[in-house]
């Protein structure tokens, strides 16, 4: 008998194997979908800019739009975080509209009264 080594439970091992195969199956399905997506969108399309026109494969247009959207989202989130941090350093409220009523209760209605629509 060896000290310090625990014997694995068979049910835990089977659960771990099932999760591993499930993850591999999901990854394989995602890769197959990605390959099919690229193959289906390989046709060239015309893109009209303000000062010119170009022909590009549709998949590149989709990926470029995705990359631009991700970059814009990252930039906007950084700007928002920086603005919020500066307001916090100056002691200003973080929200544009401060909480005027402290609490969630309605003002002016008696307790137990049914709310009006």
N, C-alpha and C. Protein backbone atom coordinates (compact mmCIF):
# COMPACT_ATOMS: atom_id res chain seq x y z
N UNK A 1 0.84 -1.18 0.00
CA UNK A 1 0.00 0.00 0.00
C UNK A 1 0.88 1.24 0.00
N UNK A 2 0.60 2.16 -0.89
CA UNK A 2 1.37 3.38 -0.97
C UNK A 2 0.62 4.51 -0.29
N UNK A 3 1.35 5.26 0.54
CA UNK A 3 0.74 6.40 1.18
C UNK A 3 0.83 7.60 0.26
N UNK A 4 -0.12 8.51 0.33
CA UNK A 4 -0.08 9.73 -0.48
C UNK A 4 -0.76 9.58 -1.83
N UNK A 5 -1.02 8.36 -2.23
CA UNK A 5 -1.73 8.15 -3.49
C UNK A 5 -3.15 7.70 -3.19
N UNK A 6 -4.09 8.38 -3.81
CA UNK A 6 -5.48 7.99 -3.62
C UNK A 6 -5.94 7.22 -4.84
N UNK A 7 -6.73 6.25 -4.60
CA UNK A 7 -7.27 5.46 -5.69
C UNK A 7 -8.44 6.21 -6.29
N UNK A 8 -8.45 6.28 -7.62
CA UNK A 8 -9.54 6.97 -8.31
C UNK A 8 -10.83 6.18 -8.23
N UNK A 9 -11.90 6.91 -8.10
CA UNK A 9 -13.21 6.30 -8.12
C UNK A 9 -13.57 6.02 -9.57
N UNK A 10 -14.11 4.85 -9.87
CA UNK A 10 -14.44 4.49 -11.25
C UNK A 10 -15.49 5.41 -11.85
N UNK A 11 -16.47 5.85 -11.06
CA UNK A 11 -17.52 6.72 -11.58
C UNK A 11 -16.96 8.08 -11.95
N UNK A 12 -16.00 8.60 -11.17
CA UNK A 12 -15.38 9.89 -11.48
C UNK A 12 -14.57 9.78 -12.76
N UNK A 13 -13.89 8.66 -12.95
CA UNK A 13 -13.10 8.44 -14.16
C UNK A 13 -14.00 8.38 -15.39
N UNK A 14 -15.15 7.69 -15.27
CA UNK A 14 -16.08 7.60 -16.39
C UNK A 14 -16.68 8.96 -16.73
N UNK A 15 -16.98 9.76 -15.70
CA UNK A 15 -17.52 11.10 -15.93
C UNK A 15 -16.49 11.97 -16.62
N UNK A 16 -15.23 11.86 -16.19
CA UNK A 16 -14.17 12.65 -16.80
C UNK A 16 -13.99 12.26 -18.26
N UNK A 17 -14.03 10.96 -18.57
CA UNK A 17 -13.89 10.50 -19.95
C UNK A 17 -15.04 11.01 -20.80
N UNK A 18 -16.25 10.98 -20.26
CA UNK A 18 -17.40 11.46 -21.01
C UNK A 18 -17.25 12.94 -21.33
N UNK A 19 -16.81 13.74 -20.35
CA UNK A 19 -16.63 15.18 -20.57
C UNK A 19 -15.54 15.43 -21.60
N UNK A 20 -14.47 14.67 -21.56
CA UNK A 20 -13.39 14.82 -22.53
C UNK A 20 -13.88 14.54 -23.94
N UNK A 21 -14.59 13.44 -24.13
CA UNK A 21 -15.10 13.11 -25.45
C UNK A 21 -16.16 14.11 -25.92
N UNK A 22 -16.95 14.62 -24.99
CA UNK A 22 -17.94 15.63 -25.34
C UNK A 22 -17.26 16.91 -25.82
N UNK A 23 -16.21 17.35 -25.12
CA UNK A 23 -15.47 18.54 -25.54
C UNK A 23 -14.83 18.33 -26.90
N UNK A 24 -14.22 17.15 -27.12
CA UNK A 24 -13.62 16.86 -28.42
C UNK A 24 -14.65 16.87 -29.54
N UNK A 25 -15.84 16.34 -29.26
CA UNK A 25 -16.90 16.32 -30.25
C UNK A 25 -17.37 17.74 -30.58
N UNK A 26 -17.50 18.59 -29.57
CA UNK A 26 -17.93 19.98 -29.79
C UNK A 26 -16.87 20.73 -30.60
N UNK A 27 -15.59 20.52 -30.29
CA UNK A 27 -14.52 21.19 -31.04
C UNK A 27 -14.50 20.71 -32.49
N UNK A 28 -14.66 19.42 -32.70
CA UNK A 28 -14.67 18.88 -34.07
C UNK A 28 -15.86 19.42 -34.86
N UNK A 29 -17.02 19.52 -34.22
CA UNK A 29 -18.20 20.06 -34.90
C UNK A 29 -18.00 21.54 -35.25
N UNK A 30 -17.38 22.30 -34.33
CA UNK A 30 -17.13 23.72 -34.60
C UNK A 30 -16.15 23.88 -35.75
N UNK A 31 -15.11 23.06 -35.80
CA UNK A 31 -14.15 23.13 -36.91
C UNK A 31 -14.80 22.74 -38.23
N UNK A 32 -15.63 21.71 -38.22
CA UNK A 32 -16.33 21.31 -39.44
C UNK A 32 -17.26 22.43 -39.93
N UNK A 33 -17.94 23.09 -38.99
CA UNK A 33 -18.81 24.20 -39.36
C UNK A 33 -17.99 25.35 -39.94
N UNK A 34 -16.84 25.65 -39.35
CA UNK A 34 -15.99 26.72 -39.84
C UNK A 34 -15.50 26.44 -41.26
N UNK A 35 -15.07 25.21 -41.52
CA UNK A 35 -14.63 24.84 -42.86
C UNK A 35 -15.79 24.96 -43.85
N UNK A 36 -16.96 24.49 -43.49
CA UNK A 36 -18.12 24.59 -44.37
C UNK A 36 -18.50 26.05 -44.62
N UNK A 37 -18.38 26.87 -43.60
CA UNK A 37 -18.69 28.30 -43.73
C UNK A 37 -17.75 28.97 -44.72
N UNK A 38 -16.47 28.66 -44.63
CA UNK A 38 -15.49 29.25 -45.55
C UNK A 38 -15.75 28.77 -46.97
N UNK A 39 -16.02 27.47 -47.15
CA UNK A 39 -16.25 26.92 -48.48
C UNK A 39 -17.50 27.53 -49.11
N UNK A 40 -18.55 27.71 -48.33
CA UNK A 40 -19.80 28.25 -48.87
C UNK A 40 -19.69 29.73 -49.22
N UNK A 41 -18.78 30.46 -48.61
CA UNK A 41 -18.69 31.90 -48.83
C UNK A 41 -17.41 32.30 -49.56
N UNK A 42 -17.00 31.48 -50.51
CA UNK A 42 -15.78 31.77 -51.25
C UNK A 42 -16.00 32.63 -52.49
N UNK A 43 -17.26 32.80 -52.92
CA UNK A 43 -17.54 33.58 -54.13
C UNK A 43 -17.09 35.03 -54.00
N UNK A 44 -16.66 35.59 -55.11
CA UNK A 44 -16.24 36.99 -55.11
C UNK A 44 -17.46 37.90 -55.17
N UNK A 45 -17.37 38.99 -54.49
CA UNK A 45 -18.45 39.98 -54.50
C UNK A 45 -17.84 41.36 -54.68
N UNK A 46 -18.64 42.29 -55.12
CA UNK A 46 -18.18 43.64 -55.35
C UNK A 46 -18.46 44.49 -54.12
N UNK A 47 -17.45 45.23 -53.69
CA UNK A 47 -17.60 46.13 -52.56
C UNK A 47 -17.38 47.54 -53.07
N UNK A 48 -18.37 48.40 -52.85
CA UNK A 48 -18.29 49.79 -53.30
C UNK A 48 -17.91 50.69 -52.13
N UNK A 49 -16.76 51.35 -52.26
CA UNK A 49 -16.35 52.34 -51.29
C UNK A 49 -16.72 53.71 -51.85
N UNK A 50 -16.52 54.74 -51.11
CA UNK A 50 -16.88 56.08 -51.58
C UNK A 50 -16.03 56.46 -52.79
N UNK A 51 -14.74 56.13 -52.74
CA UNK A 51 -13.84 56.56 -53.80
C UNK A 51 -13.39 55.42 -54.71
N UNK A 52 -13.97 54.26 -54.60
CA UNK A 52 -13.54 53.16 -55.46
C UNK A 52 -14.37 51.92 -55.25
N UNK A 53 -14.10 50.93 -56.10
CA UNK A 53 -14.80 49.66 -56.06
C UNK A 53 -13.77 48.55 -56.14
N UNK A 54 -14.02 47.46 -55.45
CA UNK A 54 -13.11 46.32 -55.48
C UNK A 54 -13.90 45.03 -55.46
N UNK A 55 -13.26 43.96 -55.90
CA UNK A 55 -13.85 42.62 -55.86
C UNK A 55 -13.08 41.82 -54.82
N UNK A 56 -13.79 41.22 -53.91
CA UNK A 56 -13.16 40.46 -52.83
C UNK A 56 -14.03 39.24 -52.53
N UNK A 57 -13.39 38.20 -52.03
CA UNK A 57 -14.12 37.00 -51.63
C UNK A 57 -15.02 37.35 -50.45
N UNK A 58 -16.21 36.81 -50.45
CA UNK A 58 -17.20 37.12 -49.42
C UNK A 58 -16.70 36.75 -48.02
N UNK A 59 -15.97 35.65 -47.88
CA UNK A 59 -15.49 35.25 -46.57
C UNK A 59 -14.54 36.29 -46.00
N UNK A 60 -13.70 36.90 -46.85
CA UNK A 60 -12.79 37.94 -46.36
C UNK A 60 -13.55 39.18 -45.93
N UNK A 61 -14.62 39.48 -46.63
CA UNK A 61 -15.45 40.62 -46.25
C UNK A 61 -16.12 40.37 -44.89
N UNK A 62 -16.59 39.16 -44.67
CA UNK A 62 -17.21 38.81 -43.40
C UNK A 62 -16.19 38.87 -42.27
N UNK A 63 -15.00 38.30 -42.50
CA UNK A 63 -13.97 38.30 -41.46
C UNK A 63 -13.45 39.70 -41.18
N UNK A 64 -13.34 40.55 -42.21
CA UNK A 64 -12.93 41.93 -42.00
C UNK A 64 -13.97 42.68 -41.16
N UNK A 65 -15.24 42.47 -41.47
CA UNK A 65 -16.30 43.11 -40.69
C UNK A 65 -16.28 42.64 -39.25
N UNK A 66 -16.04 41.35 -39.03
CA UNK A 66 -15.94 40.81 -37.68
C UNK A 66 -14.77 41.45 -36.93
N UNK A 67 -13.62 41.53 -37.58
CA UNK A 67 -12.44 42.12 -36.93
C UNK A 67 -12.67 43.59 -36.60
N UNK A 68 -13.27 44.34 -37.53
CA UNK A 68 -13.55 45.75 -37.26
C UNK A 68 -14.54 45.91 -36.11
N UNK A 69 -15.54 45.05 -36.05
CA UNK A 69 -16.51 45.10 -34.96
C UNK A 69 -15.89 44.79 -33.61
N UNK A 70 -15.02 43.79 -33.57
CA UNK A 70 -14.33 43.45 -32.32
C UNK A 70 -13.43 44.59 -31.88
N UNK A 71 -12.67 45.16 -32.84
CA UNK A 71 -11.78 46.27 -32.50
C UNK A 71 -12.56 47.48 -31.99
N UNK A 72 -13.67 47.80 -32.65
CA UNK A 72 -14.49 48.94 -32.21
C UNK A 72 -15.07 48.68 -30.82
N UNK A 73 -15.51 47.46 -30.54
CA UNK A 73 -16.03 47.13 -29.22
C UNK A 73 -14.98 47.25 -28.14
N UNK A 74 -13.76 46.79 -28.43
CA UNK A 74 -12.68 46.92 -27.45
C UNK A 74 -12.33 48.38 -27.19
N UNK A 75 -12.25 49.17 -28.26
CA UNK A 75 -11.93 50.59 -28.09
C UNK A 75 -13.00 51.31 -27.28
N UNK A 76 -14.26 51.06 -27.60
CA UNK A 76 -15.34 51.72 -26.88
C UNK A 76 -15.38 51.31 -25.41
N UNK A 77 -15.12 50.04 -25.13
CA UNK A 77 -15.12 49.62 -23.72
C UNK A 77 -13.96 50.24 -22.96
N UNK A 78 -12.80 50.40 -23.61
CA UNK A 78 -11.67 51.05 -22.95
C UNK A 78 -11.95 52.52 -22.70
N UNK A 79 -12.57 53.19 -23.68
CA UNK A 79 -12.92 54.60 -23.49
C UNK A 79 -13.92 54.78 -22.36
N UNK A 80 -14.91 53.90 -22.30
CA UNK A 80 -15.92 53.97 -21.25
C UNK A 80 -15.27 53.74 -19.88
N UNK A 81 -14.39 52.74 -19.79
CA UNK A 81 -13.73 52.45 -18.52
C UNK A 81 -12.85 53.61 -18.09
N UNK A 82 -12.13 54.21 -19.03
CA UNK A 82 -11.25 55.34 -18.70
C UNK A 82 -12.07 56.54 -18.23
N UNK A 83 -13.19 56.81 -18.91
CA UNK A 83 -14.04 57.93 -18.52
C UNK A 83 -14.64 57.71 -17.13
N UNK A 84 -15.07 56.49 -16.87
CA UNK A 84 -15.63 56.16 -15.56
C UNK A 84 -14.58 56.27 -14.47
N UNK A 85 -13.34 55.86 -14.77
CA UNK A 85 -12.25 55.95 -13.79
C UNK A 85 -11.92 57.41 -13.49
N UNK A 86 -11.89 58.27 -14.50
CA UNK A 86 -11.61 59.69 -14.28
C UNK A 86 -12.70 60.34 -13.43
N UNK A 87 -13.95 59.99 -13.68
CA UNK A 87 -15.04 60.53 -12.86
C UNK A 87 -14.90 60.09 -11.42
N UNK A 88 -14.51 58.85 -11.22
CA UNK A 88 -14.35 58.34 -9.87
C UNK A 88 -13.22 59.07 -9.15
N UNK A 89 -12.12 59.34 -9.86
CA UNK A 89 -11.00 60.05 -9.25
C UNK A 89 -11.36 61.48 -8.87
N UNK A 90 -12.25 62.10 -9.66
CA UNK A 90 -12.67 63.48 -9.36
C UNK A 90 -13.80 63.53 -8.33
N UNK A 91 -14.33 62.40 -7.96
CA UNK A 91 -15.40 62.37 -6.97
C UNK A 91 -16.78 62.58 -7.55
N UNK A 92 -16.90 62.55 -8.87
CA UNK A 92 -18.21 62.70 -9.51
C UNK A 92 -18.93 61.36 -9.50
N UNK A 93 -20.26 61.40 -9.60
CA UNK A 93 -20.99 60.13 -9.66
C UNK A 93 -20.64 59.39 -10.95
N UNK A 94 -20.59 58.07 -10.87
CA UNK A 94 -20.22 57.27 -12.02
C UNK A 94 -21.29 57.21 -13.09
N UNK A 95 -22.55 57.27 -12.72
CA UNK A 95 -23.64 57.20 -13.68
C UNK A 95 -24.00 58.57 -14.18
N UNK A 96 -24.53 58.61 -15.40
CA UNK A 96 -24.95 59.89 -15.97
C UNK A 96 -26.17 60.43 -15.22
N UNK A 97 -27.06 59.55 -14.79
CA UNK A 97 -28.25 59.95 -14.05
C UNK A 97 -28.14 59.35 -12.66
N UNK A 98 -27.92 60.17 -11.65
CA UNK A 98 -27.78 59.63 -10.29
C UNK A 98 -29.12 59.12 -9.77
N UNK A 99 -29.05 58.27 -8.79
CA UNK A 99 -30.25 57.72 -8.16
C UNK A 99 -30.88 58.81 -7.31
N UNK A 100 -32.04 59.31 -7.74
CA UNK A 100 -32.71 60.39 -7.02
C UNK A 100 -33.51 59.87 -5.84
N UNK A 101 -34.06 58.67 -5.98
CA UNK A 101 -34.84 58.07 -4.91
C UNK A 101 -34.03 56.91 -4.38
N UNK A 102 -33.66 56.98 -3.12
CA UNK A 102 -32.83 55.92 -2.54
C UNK A 102 -33.73 54.78 -2.11
N UNK A 103 -33.80 53.75 -2.90
CA UNK A 103 -34.60 52.58 -2.59
C UNK A 103 -35.47 52.20 -3.77
N UNK A 104 -36.17 51.10 -3.61
CA UNK A 104 -37.01 50.60 -4.68
C UNK A 104 -38.49 50.82 -4.42
N UNK A 105 -38.84 51.45 -3.32
CA UNK A 105 -40.25 51.64 -2.99
C UNK A 105 -40.83 52.80 -3.76
N UNK A 106 -42.10 52.66 -4.07
CA UNK A 106 -42.81 53.74 -4.76
C UNK A 106 -43.11 54.85 -3.75
N UNK A 107 -43.06 56.08 -4.21
CA UNK A 107 -43.30 57.22 -3.34
C UNK A 107 -44.74 57.67 -3.54
N UNK A 108 -45.44 57.90 -2.44
CA UNK A 108 -46.79 58.45 -2.54
C UNK A 108 -47.89 57.43 -2.52
N UNK A 109 -47.58 56.13 -2.52
CA UNK A 109 -48.61 55.11 -2.47
C UNK A 109 -48.64 54.51 -1.07
N UNK A 110 -49.83 54.34 -0.53
CA UNK A 110 -49.93 53.72 0.80
C UNK A 110 -49.52 52.25 0.72
N UNK A 111 -49.02 51.73 1.85
CA UNK A 111 -48.62 50.34 1.89
C UNK A 111 -49.84 49.44 1.71
N UNK A 112 -49.65 48.37 0.95
CA UNK A 112 -50.72 47.41 0.74
C UNK A 112 -51.69 47.80 -0.37
N UNK A 113 -51.57 48.99 -0.93
CA UNK A 113 -52.46 49.41 -2.00
C UNK A 113 -52.03 48.74 -3.31
N UNK A 114 -53.00 48.38 -4.10
CA UNK A 114 -52.70 47.76 -5.40
C UNK A 114 -52.17 48.83 -6.34
N UNK A 115 -51.13 48.48 -7.13
CA UNK A 115 -50.58 49.47 -8.06
C UNK A 115 -51.56 49.75 -9.18
N UNK A 116 -51.59 51.00 -9.62
CA UNK A 116 -52.49 51.37 -10.72
C UNK A 116 -51.76 51.23 -12.04
N UNK A 117 -52.48 50.84 -13.05
CA UNK A 117 -51.87 50.60 -14.36
C UNK A 117 -51.84 51.82 -15.21
